[in-house]
Amino acid sequence: MSQQLVGGRNIEFVKGLGADEVLDYRTLEGAVTGVVVDLTPNPSSLMCAALKKVTFSKRRLVPFFVDVKREGLDYLLQLLKDGKLKSAIDSKFPLSKAEDAWAKSIDGHATGKITVEP
């Protein structure tokens, strides 16, 4: 079962991508999962992983990093070509507008990926 954590405005979007159950991370009502995978780690989550080594927290935290290799990217590309992988593009910017793309990405209101094209 796929249980996804998203902001309230993205619940229907994520359901449309095929999630079995979607939770609003602001309320966490109905949360029963025992494992959370953060696919977008930030400095604070990395610091949390480092502090786990020096604290007596009862929470189980297992940091891991993915090493992307050519074979894996080729496999993902084939899934995309076969229509088995959904890619949600929020917006596209030309390279000359990369600063605008960056501003939109840090705004936190994109539903999907923001791309910059040459």
Protein backbone atom coordinates (compact mmCIF):
# COMPACT_ATOMS: atom_id res chain seq x y z
CA MET A 1 0.00 0.00 0.00
CA SER A 2 1.27 3.44 -0.91
CA GLN A 3 0.63 6.10 1.72
CA GLN A 4 1.73 9.60 0.70
CA LEU A 5 2.20 12.71 2.83
CA VAL A 6 1.40 15.99 1.04
CA GLY A 7 0.03 19.47 1.64
CA GLY A 8 -3.75 19.77 1.58
CA ARG A 9 -3.94 21.43 -1.83
CA ASN A 10 -2.12 18.48 -3.48
CA ILE A 11 -4.25 15.63 -2.12
CA GLU A 12 -6.37 15.12 -5.24
CA PHE A 13 -3.33 15.54 -7.50
CA VAL A 14 -1.42 12.78 -5.67
CA LYS A 15 -4.49 10.50 -5.64
CA GLY A 16 -4.63 10.98 -9.40
CA LEU A 17 -1.05 9.72 -9.62
CA GLY A 18 -2.15 6.43 -8.04
CA ALA A 19 -1.51 6.73 -4.29
CA ASP A 20 -3.68 4.34 -2.26
CA GLU A 21 -3.97 6.74 0.66
CA VAL A 22 -3.02 10.41 0.96
CA LEU A 23 -2.47 12.29 4.23
CA ASP A 24 -2.22 16.02 4.80
CA TYR A 25 1.10 16.52 6.59
CA ARG A 26 -0.40 19.44 8.53
CA THR A 27 -2.93 17.21 10.35
CA LEU A 28 -1.64 13.62 10.00
CA GLU A 29 -5.13 12.29 10.72
CA GLY A 30 -5.23 8.58 9.97
CA ALA A 31 -1.47 8.15 9.90
CA VAL A 32 -0.60 4.54 10.65
CA THR A 33 2.70 4.14 8.86
CA GLY A 34 5.82 3.18 10.76
CA VAL A 35 8.31 4.38 8.16
CA VAL A 36 8.75 7.74 6.50
CA VAL A 37 11.00 8.12 3.47
CA ASP A 38 12.06 11.70 2.78
CA LEU A 39 12.83 11.93 -0.93
CA THR A 40 13.80 15.58 -0.68
CA PRO A 41 16.22 15.84 2.23
CA ASN A 42 17.25 19.31 3.31
CA PRO A 43 19.96 20.57 5.66
CA SER A 44 17.71 20.19 8.72
CA SER A 45 16.89 16.54 7.95
CA LEU A 46 20.59 15.83 7.40
CA MET A 47 21.40 17.53 10.71
CA CYS A 48 18.72 15.40 12.38
CA ALA A 49 20.43 12.28 11.01
CA ALA A 50 23.78 13.47 12.36
CA LEU A 51 22.34 14.31 15.80
CA LYS A 52 20.78 10.86 16.04
CA LYS A 53 24.28 9.54 16.63
CA VAL A 54 24.79 11.70 19.73
CA THR A 55 21.33 11.73 21.35
CA PHE A 56 19.20 9.16 23.14
CA SER A 57 16.10 9.59 20.97
CA LYS A 58 13.75 6.59 20.85
CA ARG A 59 12.80 7.39 17.26
CA ARG A 60 14.33 5.15 14.67
CA LEU A 61 16.12 7.14 12.01
CA VAL A 62 18.08 5.43 9.29
CA PRO A 63 19.64 7.90 6.86
CA PHE A 64 20.57 6.62 3.43
CA PHE A 65 21.69 8.14 0.17
CA VAL A 66 21.06 6.96 -3.36
CA ASP A 67 23.94 6.56 -5.78
CA VAL A 68 22.49 7.20 -9.23
CA LYS A 69 24.05 5.05 -11.93
CA ARG A 70 23.58 5.06 -15.70
CA GLU A 71 21.68 1.73 -15.69
CA GLY A 72 19.13 3.07 -13.22
CA LEU A 73 18.55 6.22 -15.24
CA ASP A 74 18.20 4.18 -18.45
CA TYR A 75 15.62 1.98 -16.69
CA LEU A 76 13.65 5.02 -15.50
CA LEU A 77 13.77 6.52 -18.99
CA GLN A 78 12.39 3.29 -20.46
CA LEU A 79 9.56 3.25 -17.89
CA LEU A 80 8.74 6.82 -18.88
CA LYS A 81 8.76 5.95 -22.60
CA ASP A 82 6.52 2.92 -21.93
CA GLY A 83 4.01 5.12 -20.10
CA LYS A 84 4.58 3.27 -16.81
CA LEU A 85 6.07 6.27 -15.01
CA LYS A 86 4.11 9.47 -14.57
CA SER A 87 5.99 12.73 -14.72
CA ALA A 88 4.19 15.82 -13.47
CA ILE A 89 5.59 19.03 -14.95
CA ASP A 90 4.32 22.15 -13.22
CA SER A 91 6.01 24.64 -15.53
CA LYS A 92 8.79 25.07 -18.08
CA PHE A 93 11.20 27.98 -18.29
CA PRO A 94 13.78 28.87 -20.93
CA LEU A 95 17.37 29.04 -19.68
CA SER A 96 17.21 32.84 -19.92
CA LYS A 97 14.49 32.73 -17.20
CA ALA A 98 16.31 30.34 -14.85
CA GLU A 99 16.09 32.90 -12.06
CA ASP A 100 12.29 32.91 -12.37
CA ALA A 101 12.27 29.11 -12.26
CA TRP A 102 14.37 29.18 -9.08
CA ALA A 103 12.03 31.74 -7.49
CA LYS A 104 9.04 29.52 -8.25
CA SER A 105 10.79 26.46 -6.81
CA ILE A 106 11.57 28.12 -3.48
CA ASP A 107 8.03 29.51 -3.29
CA GLY A 108 6.85 25.97 -2.48
CA HIS A 109 3.65 26.13 -4.52
CA ALA A 110 4.60 24.07 -7.57
CA THR A 111 2.56 20.95 -8.22
CA GLY A 112 5.11 18.84 -10.01
CA LYS A 113 8.55 19.59 -11.35
CA ILE A 114 9.82 22.89 -12.68
CA THR A 115 12.08 22.46 -15.69
CA VAL A 116 14.65 24.75 -17.29
CA GLU A 117 15.24 24.11 -20.98
CA PRO A 118 18.08 25.33 -23.22
